[in-house]
Amino acid sequence: MSLDLSEEIYKITKNYPKNERFGVISQMQRSATSVGANLVEGAGRNTSKEFNYFLGISMGSLSELDYFVELSVRLKYLEKSKANKILYEINSLRKMIISLKKKLKT
Protein backbone atom coordinates (compact mmCIF):
# COMPACT_ATOMS: atom_id res chain seq x y z
CA MET A 1 0.00 0.00 0.00
CA SER A 2 2.81 2.45 0.83
CA LEU A 3 4.54 1.49 -2.41
CA ASP A 4 1.35 2.28 -4.33
CA LEU A 5 1.18 5.67 -2.64
CA SER A 6 4.79 6.45 -3.56
CA GLU A 7 4.20 5.45 -7.16
CA GLU A 8 1.10 7.64 -7.33
CA ILE A 9 2.98 10.64 -5.95
CA TYR A 10 5.75 10.21 -8.51
CA LYS A 11 3.17 10.04 -11.31
CA ILE A 12 1.24 13.14 -10.29
CA THR A 13 4.29 15.28 -9.58
CA LYS A 14 5.50 14.73 -13.17
CA ASN A 15 2.84 17.28 -14.13
CA TYR A 16 3.88 19.90 -11.58
CA PRO A 17 5.68 23.06 -12.71
CA LYS A 18 9.40 22.50 -13.32
CA ASN A 19 10.28 25.33 -10.92
CA GLU A 20 8.95 23.13 -8.08
CA ARG A 21 11.53 20.40 -8.78
CA PHE A 22 13.51 21.27 -5.64
CA GLY A 23 10.47 22.40 -3.65
CA VAL A 24 7.07 20.76 -3.49
CA ILE A 25 7.97 17.92 -5.88
CA SER A 26 11.04 16.89 -3.93
CA GLN A 27 9.28 17.14 -0.57
CA MET A 28 6.29 15.11 -1.72
CA GLN A 29 8.43 12.38 -3.25
CA ARG A 30 10.73 12.19 -0.23
CA SER A 31 7.92 12.06 2.31
CA ALA A 32 5.99 9.45 0.29
CA THR A 33 8.99 7.14 -0.09
CA SER A 34 9.95 7.67 3.54
CA VAL A 35 6.70 6.06 4.69
CA GLY A 36 7.39 2.69 3.13
CA ALA A 37 11.14 2.78 3.67
CA ASN A 38 10.70 3.34 7.41
CA LEU A 39 8.04 0.64 7.67
CA VAL A 40 10.39 -1.85 6.05
CA GLU A 41 13.39 -0.74 8.08
CA GLY A 42 11.41 -0.93 11.32
CA ALA A 43 10.10 -4.40 10.50
CA GLY A 44 13.68 -5.54 10.02
CA ARG A 45 14.76 -4.40 13.47
CA ASN A 46 15.25 -6.71 16.43
CA THR A 47 12.90 -5.24 19.00
CA SER A 48 9.35 -3.95 19.20
CA LYS A 49 10.71 -0.71 20.62
CA GLU A 50 12.83 -0.16 17.51
CA PHE A 51 9.93 -1.07 15.22
CA ASN A 52 7.68 1.36 17.08
CA TYR A 53 10.25 4.12 16.58
CA PHE A 54 10.21 3.65 12.80
CA LEU A 55 6.42 3.50 12.79
CA GLY A 56 6.52 6.95 14.38
CA ILE A 57 8.77 8.24 11.63
CA SER A 58 6.36 6.83 9.04
CA MET A 59 3.49 8.65 10.75
CA GLY A 60 5.42 11.91 10.57
CA SER A 61 6.10 11.37 6.88
CA LEU A 62 2.40 10.74 6.25
CA SER A 63 1.56 14.01 7.99
CA GLU A 64 4.12 15.85 5.89
CA LEU A 65 2.73 14.33 2.71
CA ASP A 66 -0.79 15.26 3.80
CA TYR A 67 0.33 18.88 4.11
CA PHE A 68 1.93 18.96 0.66
CA VAL A 69 -1.13 17.38 -0.97
CA GLU A 70 -3.30 20.11 0.55
CA LEU A 71 -0.79 22.76 -0.54
CA SER A 72 -0.80 21.34 -4.07
CA VAL A 73 -4.56 21.82 -4.24
CA ARG A 74 -4.26 25.42 -3.05
CA LEU A 75 -1.54 26.12 -5.61
CA LYS A 76 -3.73 24.51 -8.28
CA TYR A 77 -1.14 21.84 -9.08
CA LEU A 78 -3.55 19.07 -8.15
CA GLU A 79 -7.28 18.64 -8.65
CA LYS A 80 -9.30 18.26 -5.47
CA SER A 81 -10.78 14.93 -6.61
CA LYS A 82 -7.30 13.45 -7.12
CA ALA A 83 -6.14 14.92 -3.83
CA ASN A 84 -9.08 13.30 -2.04
CA LYS A 85 -8.05 9.90 -3.39
CA ILE A 86 -4.50 10.39 -2.16
CA LEU A 87 -5.68 11.70 1.21
CA TYR A 88 -7.84 8.60 1.56
CA GLU A 89 -4.77 6.42 0.95
CA ILE A 90 -2.79 8.46 3.49
CA ASN A 91 -5.52 8.04 6.10
CA SER A 92 -5.79 4.31 5.41
CA LEU A 93 -2.05 3.91 5.96
CA ARG A 94 -2.26 6.08 9.07
CA LYS A 95 -4.96 3.79 10.53
CA MET A 96 -2.87 0.71 9.76
CA ILE A 97 0.18 2.18 11.48
CA ILE A 98 -1.85 3.22 14.52
CA SER A 99 -3.19 -0.32 14.75
CA LEU A 100 0.34 -1.74 14.54
CA LYS A 101 1.55 0.64 17.23
CA LYS A 102 -1.27 -0.46 19.54
CA LYS A 103 -0.44 -4.12 18.97
CA LEU A 104 3.19 -3.49 19.81
CA LYS A 105 2.18 -1.97 23.16
CA THR A 106 0.24 -5.07 24.23
PDB file of N, CA and C in Angstrom:
ATOM      1  N   MET A   1       0.823  -1.199   0.000  1.00  0.00           N
ATOM      2  CA  MET A   1       0.000   0.000   0.000  1.00  0.00           C
ATOM      3  C   MET A   1       0.872   1.270   0.000  1.00  0.00           C
ATOM      4  N   SER A   2       1.932   1.268   0.821  1.00  0.00           N
ATOM      5  CA  SER A   2       2.805   2.447   0.830  1.00  0.00           C
ATOM      6  C   SER A   2       3.560   2.583  -0.490  1.00  0.00           C
ATOM      7  N   LEU A   3       3.869   1.456  -1.106  1.00  0.00           N
ATOM      8  CA  LEU A   3       4.540   1.487  -2.409  1.00  0.00           C
ATOM      9  C   LEU A   3       3.612   2.070  -3.476  1.00  0.00           C
ATOM     10  N   ASP A   4       2.339   1.720  -3.406  1.00  0.00           N
ATOM     11  CA  ASP A   4       1.348   2.283  -4.334  1.00  0.00           C
ATOM     12  C   ASP A   4       1.246   3.796  -4.169  1.00  0.00           C
ATOM     13  N   LEU A   5       1.258   4.239  -2.917  1.00  0.00           N
ATOM     14  CA  LEU A   5       1.178   5.670  -2.639  1.00  0.00           C
ATOM     15  C   LEU A   5       2.396   6.394  -3.219  1.00  0.00           C
ATOM     16  N   SER A   6       3.573   5.835  -3.010  1.00  0.00           N
ATOM     17  CA  SER A   6       4.793   6.449  -3.555  1.00  0.00           C
ATOM     18  C   SER A   6       4.731   6.546  -5.074  1.00  0.00           C
ATOM     19  N   GLU A   7       4.309   5.462  -5.698  1.00  0.00           N
ATOM     20  CA  GLU A   7       4.201   5.448  -7.156  1.00  0.00           C
ATOM     21  C   GLU A   7       3.224   6.521  -7.640  1.00  0.00           C
ATOM     22  N   GLU A   8       2.104   6.640  -6.961  1.00  0.00           N
ATOM     23  CA  GLU A   8       1.096   7.642  -7.332  1.00  0.00           C
ATOM     24  C   GLU A   8       1.658   9.056  -7.205  1.00  0.00           C
ATOM     25  N   ILE A   9       2.392   9.314  -6.147  1.00  0.00           N
ATOM     26  CA  ILE A   9       2.977  10.642  -5.947  1.00  0.00           C
ATOM     27  C   ILE A   9       3.983  10.956  -7.053  1.00  0.00           C
ATOM     28  N   TYR A  10       4.799   9.991  -7.417  1.00  0.00           N
ATOM     29  CA  TYR A  10       5.753  10.212  -8.511  1.00  0.00           C
ATOM     30  C   TYR A  10       5.021  10.514  -9.819  1.00  0.00           C
ATOM     31  N   LYS A  11       3.928   9.814 -10.070  1.00  0.00           N
ATOM     32  CA  LYS A  11       3.166  10.040 -11.306  1.00  0.00           C
ATOM     33  C   LYS A  11       2.555  11.436 -11.345  1.00  0.00           C
ATOM     34  N   ILE A  12       1.918  11.845 -10.252  1.00  0.00           N
ATOM     35  CA  ILE A  12       1.239  13.144 -10.289  1.00  0.00           C
ATOM     36  C   ILE A  12       2.216  14.305 -10.297  1.00  0.00           C
ATOM     37  N   THR A  13       3.352  14.156  -9.633  1.00  0.00           N
ATOM     38  CA  THR A  13       4.293  15.278  -9.583  1.00  0.00           C
ATOM     39  C   THR A  13       5.025  15.482 -10.906  1.00  0.00           C
ATOM     40  N   LYS A  14       4.923  14.531 -11.826  1.00  0.00           N
ATOM     41  CA  LYS A  14       5.498  14.726 -13.165  1.00  0.00           C
ATOM     42  C   LYS A  14       4.835  15.908 -13.873  1.00  0.00           C
ATOM     43  N   ASN A  15       3.596  16.199 -13.493  1.00  0.00           N
ATOM     44  CA  ASN A  15       2.836  17.276 -14.132  1.00  0.00           C
ATOM     45  C   ASN A  15       2.951  18.613 -13.403  1.00  0.00           C
ATOM     46  N   TYR A  16       3.708  18.653 -12.331  1.00  0.00           N
ATOM     47  CA  TYR A  16       3.882  19.897 -11.577  1.00  0.00           C
ATOM     48  C   TYR A  16       4.829  20.826 -12.338  1.00  0.00           C
ATOM     49  N   PRO A  17       4.766  22.117 -12.050  1.00  0.00           N
ATOM     50  CA  PRO A  17       5.679  23.058 -12.711  1.00  0.00           C
ATOM     51  C   PRO A  17       7.145  22.698 -12.436  1.00  0.00           C
ATOM     52  N   LYS A  18       7.972  22.849 -13.431  1.00  0.00           N
ATOM     53  CA  LYS A  18       9.399  22.500 -13.316  1.00  0.00           C
ATOM     54  C   LYS A  18      10.102  23.299 -12.218  1.00  0.00           C
ATOM     55  N   ASN A  19       9.631  24.519 -11.960  1.00  0.00           N
ATOM     56  CA  ASN A  19      10.277  25.327 -10.924  1.00  0.00           C
ATOM     57  C   ASN A  19      10.051  24.768  -9.515  1.00  0.00           C
ATOM     58  N   GLU A  20       9.193  23.769  -9.379  1.00  0.00           N
ATOM     59  CA  GLU A  20       8.952  23.126  -8.082  1.00  0.00           C
ATOM     60  C   GLU A  20       9.809  21.870  -7.890  1.00  0.00           C
ATOM     61  N   ARG A  21      10.725  21.623  -8.830  1.00  0.00           N
ATOM     62  CA  ARG A  21      11.533  20.404  -8.781  1.00  0.00           C
ATOM     63  C   ARG A  21      12.261  20.244  -7.444  1.00  0.00           C
ATOM     64  N   PHE A  22      12.781  21.339  -6.896  1.00  0.00           N
ATOM     65  CA  PHE A  22      13.512  21.268  -5.635  1.00  0.00           C
ATOM     66  C   PHE A  22      12.661  21.722  -4.454  1.00  0.00           C
ATOM     67  N   GLY A  23      11.384  21.967  -4.706  1.00  0.00           N
ATOM     68  CA  GLY A  23      10.471  22.401  -3.654  1.00  0.00           C
ATOM     69  C   GLY A  23       9.424  21.347  -3.371  1.00  0.00           C
ATOM     70  N   VAL A  24       8.213  21.631  -3.779  1.00  0.00           N
ATOM     71  CA  VAL A  24       7.073  20.758  -3.491  1.00  0.00           C
ATOM     72  C   VAL A  24       7.280  19.348  -4.051  1.00  0.00           C
ATOM     73  N   ILE A  25       7.780  19.242  -5.266  1.00  0.00           N
ATOM     74  CA  ILE A  25       7.966  17.919  -5.881  1.00  0.00           C
ATOM     75  C   ILE A  25       8.907  17.069  -5.033  1.00  0.00           C
ATOM     76  N   SER A  26      10.045  17.623  -4.721  1.00  0.00           N
ATOM     77  CA  SER A  26      11.039  16.892  -3.933  1.00  0.00           C
ATOM     78  C   SER A  26      10.486  16.499  -2.567  1.00  0.00           C
ATOM     79  N   GLN A  27       9.822  17.420  -1.912  1.00  0.00           N
ATOM     80  CA  GLN A  27       9.284  17.143  -0.575  1.00  0.00           C
ATOM     81  C   GLN A  27       8.208  16.063  -0.614  1.00  0.00           C
ATOM     82  N   MET A  28       7.347  16.121  -1.614  1.00  0.00           N
ATOM     83  CA  MET A  28       6.294  15.106  -1.718  1.00  0.00           C
ATOM     84  C   MET A  28       6.881  13.729  -1.995  1.00  0.00           C
ATOM     85  N   GLN A  29       7.826  13.669  -2.916  1.00  0.00           N
ATOM     86  CA  GLN A  29       8.427  12.379  -3.249  1.00  0.00           C
ATOM     87  C   GLN A  29       9.205  11.814  -2.069  1.00  0.00           C
ATOM     88  N   ARG A  30       9.945  12.660  -1.381  1.00  0.00           N
ATOM     89  CA  ARG A  30      10.728  12.194  -0.234  1.00  0.00           C
ATOM     90  C   ARG A  30       9.835  11.729   0.909  1.00  0.00           C
ATOM     91  N   SER A  31       8.792  12.471   1.204  1.00  0.00           N
ATOM     92  CA  SER A  31       7.919  12.057   2.310  1.00  0.00           C
ATOM     93  C   SER A  31       7.151  10.786   1.956  1.00  0.00           C
ATOM     94  N   ALA A  32       6.724  10.659   0.703  1.00  0.00           N
ATOM     95  CA  ALA A  32       5.993   9.454   0.288  1.00  0.00           C
ATOM     96  C   ALA A  32       6.873   8.213   0.369  1.00  0.00           C
ATOM     97  N   THR A  33       8.102   8.313  -0.132  1.00  0.00           N
ATOM     98  CA  THR A  33       8.987   7.145  -0.092  1.00  0.00           C
ATOM     99  C   THR A  33       9.470   6.852   1.318  1.00  0.00           C
ATOM    100  N   SER A  34       9.532   7.858   2.149  1.00  0.00           N
ATOM    101  CA  SER A  34       9.953   7.672   3.539  1.00  0.00           C
ATOM    102  C   SER A  34       8.985   6.786   4.311  1.00  0.00           C
ATOM    103  N   VAL A  35       7.714   6.869   3.992  1.00  0.00           N
ATOM    104  CA  VAL A  35       6.702   6.063   4.689  1.00  0.00           C
ATOM    105  C   VAL A  35       7.044   4.583   4.567  1.00  0.00           C
ATOM    106  N   GLY A  36       7.114   4.103   3.355  1.00  0.00           N
ATOM    107  CA  GLY A  36       7.389   2.685   3.130  1.00  0.00           C
ATOM    108  C   GLY A  36       8.774   2.269   3.570  1.00  0.00           C
ATOM    109  N   ALA A  37       9.763   3.119   3.305  1.00  0.00           N
ATOM    110  CA  ALA A  37      11.139   2.783   3.674  1.00  0.00           C
ATOM    111  C   ALA A  37      11.273   2.602   5.181  1.00  0.00           C
ATOM    112  N   ASN A  38      10.620   3.458   5.948  1.00  0.00           N
ATOM    113  CA  ASN A  38      10.699   3.338   7.406  1.00  0.00           C
ATOM    114  C   ASN A  38       9.888   2.165   7.934  1.00  0.00           C
ATOM    115  N   LEU A  39       8.791   1.835   7.281  1.00  0.00           N
ATOM    116  CA  LEU A  39       8.041   0.641   7.673  1.00  0.00           C
ATOM    117  C   LEU A  39       8.896  -0.606   7.484  1.00  0.00           C
ATOM    118  N   VAL A  40       9.550  -0.687   6.348  1.00  0.00           N
ATOM    119  CA  VAL A  40      10.395  -1.848   6.047  1.00  0.00           C
ATOM    120  C   VAL A  40      11.601  -1.899   6.985  1.00  0.00           C
ATOM    121  N   GLU A  41      12.230  -0.761   7.186  1.00  0.00           N
ATOM    122  CA  GLU A  41      13.389  -0.745   8.079  1.00  0.00           C
ATOM    123  C   GLU A  41      12.991  -1.133   9.498  1.00  0.00           C
ATOM    124  N   GLY A  42      11.881  -0.598   9.975  1.00  0.00           N
ATOM    125  CA  GLY A  42      11.414  -0.934  11.320  1.00  0.00           C
ATOM    126  C   GLY A  42      11.085  -2.402  11.474  1.00  0.00           C
ATOM    127  N   ALA A  43      10.462  -2.974  10.457  1.00  0.00           N
ATOM    128  CA  ALA A  43      10.102  -4.397  10.499  1.00  0.00           C
ATOM    129  C   ALA A  43      11.346  -5.275  10.545  1.00  0.00           C
ATOM    130  N   GLY A  44      12.442  -4.777  10.024  1.00  0.00           N
ATOM    131  CA  GLY A  44      13.682  -5.535  10.016  1.00  0.00           C
ATOM    132  C   GLY A  44      14.507  -5.390  11.283  1.00  0.00           C
ATOM    133  N   ARG A  45      14.038  -4.598  12.217  1.00  0.00           N
ATOM    134  CA  ARG A  45      14.764  -4.395  13.473  1.00  0.00           C
ATOM    135  C   ARG A  45      14.495  -5.538  14.444  1.00  0.00           C
ATOM    136  N   ASN A  46      15.292  -5.582  15.497  1.00  0.00           N
ATOM    137  CA  ASN A  46      15.255  -6.712  16.425  1.00  0.00           C
ATOM    138  C   ASN A  46      14.231  -6.604  17.546  1.00  0.00           C
ATOM    139  N   THR A  47      13.805  -5.397  17.860  1.00  0.00           N
ATOM    140  CA  THR A  47      12.896  -5.241  19.001  1.00  0.00           C
ATOM    141  C   THR A  47      11.636  -4.480  18.611  1.00  0.00           C
ATOM    142  N   SER A  48      10.602  -4.682  19.404  1.00  0.00           N
ATOM    143  CA  SER A  48       9.348  -3.947  19.201  1.00  0.00           C
ATOM    144  C   SER A  48       9.561  -2.457  19.408  1.00  0.00           C
ATOM    145  N   LYS A  49      10.432  -2.118  20.345  1.00  0.00           N
ATOM    146  CA  LYS A  49      10.706  -0.707  20.615  1.00  0.00           C
ATOM    147  C   LYS A  49      11.299  -0.030  19.377  1.00  0.00           C
ATOM    148  N   GLU A  50      12.231  -0.711  18.724  1.00  0.00           N
ATOM    149  CA  GLU A  50      12.829  -0.158  17.508  1.00  0.00           C
ATOM    150  C   GLU A  50      11.794  -0.052  16.393  1.00  0.00           C
ATOM    151  N   PHE A  51      10.981  -1.080  16.238  1.00  0.00           N
ATOM    152  CA  PHE A  51       9.931  -1.068  15.217  1.00  0.00           C
ATOM    153  C   PHE A  51       8.979   0.097  15.459  1.00  0.00           C
ATOM    154  N   ASN A  52       8.587   0.283  16.709  1.00  0.00           N
ATOM    155  CA  ASN A  52       7.676   1.361  17.079  1.00  0.00           C
ATOM    156  C   ASN A  52       8.271   2.728  16.722  1.00  0.00           C
ATOM    157  N   TYR A  53       9.566   2.875  16.923  1.00  0.00           N
ATOM    158  CA  TYR A  53      10.252   4.120  16.584  1.00  0.00           C
ATOM    159  C   TYR A  53      10.091   4.432  15.088  1.00  0.00           C
ATOM    160  N   PHE A  54      10.320   3.440  14.245  1.00  0.00           N
ATOM    161  CA  PHE A  54      10.213   3.649  12.802  1.00  0.00           C
ATOM    162  C   PHE A  54       8.764   3.837  12.356  1.00  0.00           C
ATOM    163  N   LEU A  55       7.834   3.242  13.075  1.00  0.00           N
ATOM    164  CA  LEU A  55       6.418   3.503  12.790  1.00  0.00           C
ATOM    165  C   LEU A  55       6.107   4.973  13.036  1.00  0.00           C
ATOM    166  N   GLY A  56       6.699   5.527  14.082  1.00  0.00           N
ATOM    167  CA  GLY A  56       6.520   6.947  14.380  1.00  0.00           C
ATOM    168  C   GLY A  56       7.064   7.840  13.278  1.00  0.00           C
ATOM    169  N   ILE A  57       8.205   7.473  12.743  1.00  0.00           N
ATOM    170  CA  ILE A  57       8.775   8.243  11.629  1.00  0.00           C
ATOM    171  C   ILE A  57       7.850   8.166  10.415  1.00  0.00           C
ATOM    172  N   SER A  58       7.308   6.988  10.154  1.00  0.00           N
ATOM    173  CA  SER A  58       6.363   6.826   9.039  1.00  0.00           C
ATOM    174  C   SER A  58       5.136   7.708   9.229  1.00  0.00           C
ATOM    175  N   MET A  59       4.652   7.789  10.460  1.00  0.00           N
ATOM    176  CA  MET A  59       3.490   8.646  10.747  1.00  0.00           C
ATOM    177  C   MET A  59       3.819  10.111  10.454  1.00  0.00           C
ATOM    178  N   GLY A  60       5.007  10.533  10.847  1.00  0.00           N
ATOM    179  CA  GLY A  60       5.423  11.907  10.569  1.00  0.00           C
ATOM    180  C   GLY A  60       5.502  12.182   9.077  1.00  0.00           C
ATOM    181  N   SER A  61       6.005  11.216   8.336  1.00  0.00           N
ATOM    182  CA  SER A  61       6.103  11.371   6.883  1.00  0.00           C
ATOM    183  C   SER A  61       4.726  11.440   6.238  1.00  0.00           C
ATOM    184  N   LEU A  62       3.782  10.662   6.756  1.00  0.00           N
ATOM    185  CA  LEU A  62       2.403  10.738   6.248  1.00  0.00           C
ATOM    186  C   LEU A  62       1.809  12.118   6.496  1.00  0.00           C
ATOM    187  N   SER A  63       2.073  12.674   7.673  1.00  0.00           N
ATOM    188  CA  SER A  63       1.558  14.011   7.989  1.00  0.00           C
ATOM    189  C   SER A  63       2.168  15.060   7.070  1.00  0.00           C
ATOM    190  N   GLU A  64       3.453  14.922   6.804  1.00  0.00           N
ATOM    191  CA  GLU A  64       4.125  15.845   5.891  1.00  0.00           C
ATOM    192  C   GLU A  64       3.531  15.742   4.490  1.00  0.00           C
ATOM    193  N   LEU A  65       3.313  14.535   4.030  1.00  0.00           N
ATOM    194  CA  LEU A  65       2.731  14.334   2.705  1.00  0.00           C
ATOM    195  C   LEU A  65       1.318  14.907   2.646  1.00  0.00           C
ATOM    196  N   ASP A  66       0.558  14.702   3.692  1.00  0.00           N
ATOM    197  CA  ASP A  66      -0.795  15.256   3.798  1.00  0.00           C
ATOM    198  C   ASP A  66      -0.753  16.771   3.574  1.00  0.00           C
ATOM    199  N   TYR A  67       0.177  17.434   4.241  1.00  0.00           N
ATOM    200  CA  TYR A  67       0.332  18.880   4.112  1.00  0.00           C
ATOM    201  C   TYR A  67       0.615  19.285   2.662  1.00  0.00           C
ATOM    202  N   PHE A  68       1.550  18.586   2.022  1.00  0.00           N
ATOM    203  CA  PHE A  68       1.929  18.957   0.657  1.00  0.00           C
ATOM    204  C   PHE A  68       0.840  18.641  -0.363  1.00  0.00           C
ATOM    205  N   VAL A  69       0.023  17.644  -0.098  1.00  0.00           N
ATOM    206  CA  VAL A  69      -1.126  17.377  -0.971  1.00  0.00           C
ATOM    207  C   VAL A  69      -2.112  18.545  -0.874  1.00  0.00           C
ATOM    208  N   GLU A  70      -2.391  18.970   0.354  1.00  0.00           N
ATOM    209  CA  GLU A  70      -3.301  20.114   0.545  1.00  0.00           C
ATOM    210  C   GLU A  70      -2.730  21.384  -0.094  1.00  0.00           C
ATOM    211  N   LEU A  71      -1.438  21.600   0.072  1.00  0.00           N
ATOM    212  CA  LEU A  71      -0.792  22.763  -0.538  1.00  0.00           C
ATOM    213  C   LEU A  71      -0.885  22.697  -2.059  1.00  0.00           C
ATOM    214  N   SER A  72      -0.711  21.515  -2.612  1.00  0.00           N
ATOM    215  CA  SER A  72      -0.797  21.335  -4.066  1.00  0.00           C
ATOM    216  C   SER A  72      -2.164  21.721  -4.607  1.00  0.00           C
ATOM    217  N   VAL A  73      -3.202  21.426  -3.845  1.00  0.00           N
ATOM    218  CA  VAL A  73      -4.555  21.822  -4.244  1.00  0.00           C
ATOM    219  C   VAL A  73      -4.666  23.345  -4.225  1.00  0.00           C
ATOM    220  N   ARG A  74      -4.179  23.963  -3.159  1.00  0.00           N
ATOM    221  CA  ARG A  74      -4.260  25.424  -3.053  1.00  0.00           C
ATOM    222  C   ARG A  74      -3.479  26.130  -4.160  1.00  0.00           C
ATOM    223  N   LEU A  75      -2.361  25.528  -4.549  1.00  0.00           N
ATOM    224  CA  LEU A  75      -1.542  26.119  -5.611  1.00  0.00           C
ATOM    225  C   LEU A  75      -2.035  25.745  -7.006  1.00  0.00           C
ATOM    226  N   LYS A  76      -3.098  24.958  -7.039  1.00  0.00           N
ATOM    227  CA  LYS A  76      -3.732  24.510  -8.283  1.00  0.00           C
ATOM    228  C   LYS A  76      -2.822  23.592  -9.113  1.00  0.00           C
ATOM    229  N   TYR A  77      -1.963  22.849  -8.426  1.00  0.00           N
ATOM    230  CA  TYR A  77      -1.139  21.837  -9.085  1.00  0.00           C
ATOM    231  C   TYR A  77      -1.872  20.507  -9.157  1.00  0.00           C
ATOM    232  N   LEU A  78      -2.867  20.345  -8.303  1.00  0.00           N
ATOM    233  CA  LEU A  78      -3.549  19.065  -8.152  1.00  0.00           C
ATOM    234  C   LEU A  78      -5.044  19.304  -8.002  1.00  0.00           C
ATOM    235  N   GLU A  79      -5.828  18.536  -8.749  1.00  0.00           N
ATOM    236  CA  GLU A  79      -7.284  18.642  -8.647  1.00  0.00           C
ATOM    237  C   GLU A  79      -7.750  18.071  -7.316  1.00  0.00           C
ATOM    238  N   LYS A  80      -8.787  18.674  -6.770  1.00  0.00           N
ATOM    239  CA  LYS A  80      -9.305  18.258  -5.466  1.00  0.00           C
ATOM    240  C   LYS A  80      -9.732  16.792  -5.469  1.00  0.00           C
ATOM    241  N   SER A  81     -10.330  16.326  -6.551  1.00  0.00           N
ATOM    242  CA  SER A  81     -10.783  14.930  -6.611  1.00  0.00           C
ATOM    243  C   SER A  81      -9.603  13.961  -6.517  1.00  0.00           C
ATOM    244  N   LYS A  82      -8.509  14.284  -7.177  1.00  0.00           N
ATOM    245  CA  LYS A  82      -7.300  13.454  -7.116  1.00  0.00           C
ATOM    246  C   LYS A  82      -6.676  13.544  -5.724  1.00  0.00           C
ATOM    247  N   ALA A  83      -6.679  14.733  -5.176  1.00  0.00           N
ATOM    248  CA  ALA A  83      -6.142  14.922  -3.826  1.00  0.00           C
ATOM    249  C   ALA A  83      -6.930  14.098  -2.816  1.00  0.00           C
ATOM    250  N   ASN A  84      -8.247  14.073  -2.966  1.00  0.00           N
ATOM    251  CA  ASN A  84      -9.080  13.302  -2.036  1.00  0.00           C
ATOM    252  C   ASN A  84      -8.741  11.816  -2.080  1.00  0.00           C
ATOM    253  N   LYS A  85      -8.449  11.309  -3.259  1.00  0.00           N
ATOM    254  CA  LYS A  85      -8.053   9.904  -3.391  1.00  0.00           C
ATOM    255  C   LYS A  85      -6.741   9.649  -2.648  1.00  0.00           C
ATOM    256  N   ILE A  86      -5.790  10.539  -2.829  1.00  0.00           N
ATOM    257  CA  ILE A  86      -4.497  10.395  -2.158  1.00  0.00           C
ATOM    258  C   ILE A  86      -4.656  10.542  -0.648  1.00  0.00           C
ATOM    259  N   LEU A  87      -5.450  11.502  -0.220  1.00  0.00           N
ATOM    260  CA  LEU A  87      -5.678  11.698   1.214  1.00  0.00           C
ATOM    261  C   LEU A  87      -6.357  10.485   1.837  1.00  0.00           C
ATOM    262  N   TYR A  88      -7.217   9.833   1.081  1.00  0.00           N
ATOM    263  CA  TYR A  88      -7.844   8.601   1.557  1.00  0.00           C
ATOM    264  C   TYR A  88      -6.780   7.519   1.774  1.00  0.00           C
ATOM    265  N   GLU A  89      -5.862   7.397   0.823  1.00  0.00           N
ATOM    266  CA  GLU A  89      -4.772   6.422   0.954  1.00  0.00           C
ATOM    267  C   GLU A  89      -3.891   6.748   2.159  1.00  0.00           C
ATOM    268  N   ILE A  90      -3.599   8.031   2.339  1.00  0.00           N
ATOM    269  CA  ILE A  90      -2.791   8.459   3.488  1.00  0.00           C
ATOM    270  C   ILE A  90      -3.489   8.073   4.785  1.00  0.00           C
ATOM    271  N   ASN A  91      -4.778   8.356   4.874  1.00  0.00           N
ATOM    272  CA  ASN A  91      -5.522   8.039   6.099  1.00  0.00           C
ATOM    273  C   ASN A  91      -5.638   6.542   6.330  1.00  0.00           C
ATOM    274  N   SER A  92      -5.749   5.769   5.267  1.00  0.00           N
ATOM    275  CA  SER A  92      -5.787   4.309   5.407  1.00  0.00           C
ATOM    276  C   SER A  92      -4.467   3.792   5.971  1.00  0.00           C
ATOM    277  N   LEU A  93      -3.369   4.298   5.440  1.00  0.00           N
ATOM    278  CA  LEU A  93      -2.054   3.910   5.961  1.00  0.00           C
ATOM    279  C   LEU A  93      -1.887   4.351   7.411  1.00  0.00           C
ATOM    280  N   ARG A  94      -2.352   5.556   7.704  1.00  0.00           N
ATOM    281  CA  ARG A  94      -2.261   6.077   9.074  1.00  0.00           C
ATOM    282  C   ARG A  94      -2.988   5.145  10.045  1.00  0.00           C
ATOM    283  N   LYS A  95      -4.186   4.702   9.672  1.00  0.00           N
ATOM    284  CA  LYS A  95      -4.957   3.791  10.527  1.00  0.00           C
ATOM    285  C   LYS A  95      -4.231   2.463  10.723  1.00  0.00           C
ATOM    286  N   MET A  96      -3.615   1.963   9.657  1.00  0.00           N
ATOM    287  CA  MET A  96      -2.870   0.706   9.760  1.00  0.00           C
ATOM    288  C   MET A  96      -1.682   0.848  10.709  1.00  0.00           C
ATOM    289  N   ILE A  97      -0.985   1.963  10.615  1.00  0.00           N
ATOM    290  CA  ILE A  97       0.176   2.180  11.480  1.00  0.00           C
ATOM    291  C   ILE A  97      -0.259   2.341  12.932  1.00  0.00           C
ATOM    292  N   ILE A  98      -1.335   3.067  13.158  1.00  0.00           N
ATOM    293  CA  ILE A  98      -1.854   3.221  14.524  1.00  0.00           C
ATOM    294  C   ILE A  98      -2.205   1.860  15.105  1.00  0.00           C
ATOM    295  N   SER A  99      -2.833   1.030  14.308  1.00  0.00           N
ATOM    296  CA  SER A  99      -3.188  -0.321  14.751  1.00  0.00           C
ATOM    297  C   SER A  99      -1.936  -1.133  15.098  1.00  0.00           C
ATOM    298  N   LEU A 100      -0.928  -1.042  14.266  1.00  0.00           N
ATOM    299  CA  LEU A 100       0.337  -1.738  14.536  1.00  0.00           C
ATOM    300  C   LEU A 100       0.973  -1.246  15.829  1.00  0.00           C
ATOM    301  N   LYS A 101       0.972   0.071  16.017  1.00  0.00           N
ATOM    302  CA  LYS A 101       1.555   0.644  17.230  1.00  0.00           C
ATOM    303  C   LYS A 101       0.823   0.142  18.478  1.00  0.00           C
ATOM    304  N   LYS A 102      -0.492   0.046  18.402  1.00  0.00           N
ATOM    305  CA  LYS A 102      -1.274  -0.458  19.539  1.00  0.00           C
ATOM    306  C   LYS A 102      -0.934  -1.916  19.833  1.00  0.00           C
ATOM    307  N   LYS A 103      -0.774  -2.709  18.783  1.00  0.00           N
ATOM    308  CA  LYS A 103      -0.437  -4.124  18.967  1.00  0.00           C
ATOM    309  C   LYS A 103       0.944  -4.292  19.586  1.00  0.00           C
ATOM    310  N   LEU A 104       1.847  -3.409  19.249  1.00  0.00           N
ATOM    311  CA  LEU A 104       3.195  -3.491  19.809  1.00  0.00           C
ATOM    312  C   LEU A 104       3.213  -3.154  21.297  1.00  0.00           C
ATOM    313  N   LYS A 105       2.257  -2.348  21.740  1.00  0.00           N
ATOM    314  CA  LYS A 105       2.185  -1.973  23.157  1.00  0.00           C
ATOM    315  C   LYS A 105       1.636  -3.094  24.023  1.00  0.00           C
ATOM    316  N   THR A 106       0.849  -4.000  23.427  1.00  0.00           N
ATOM    317  CA  THR A 106       0.244  -5.075  24.231  1.00  0.00           C
ATOM    318  C   THR A 106       1.111  -6.300  24.284  1.00  0.00           C
TER     319      THR A 106
END
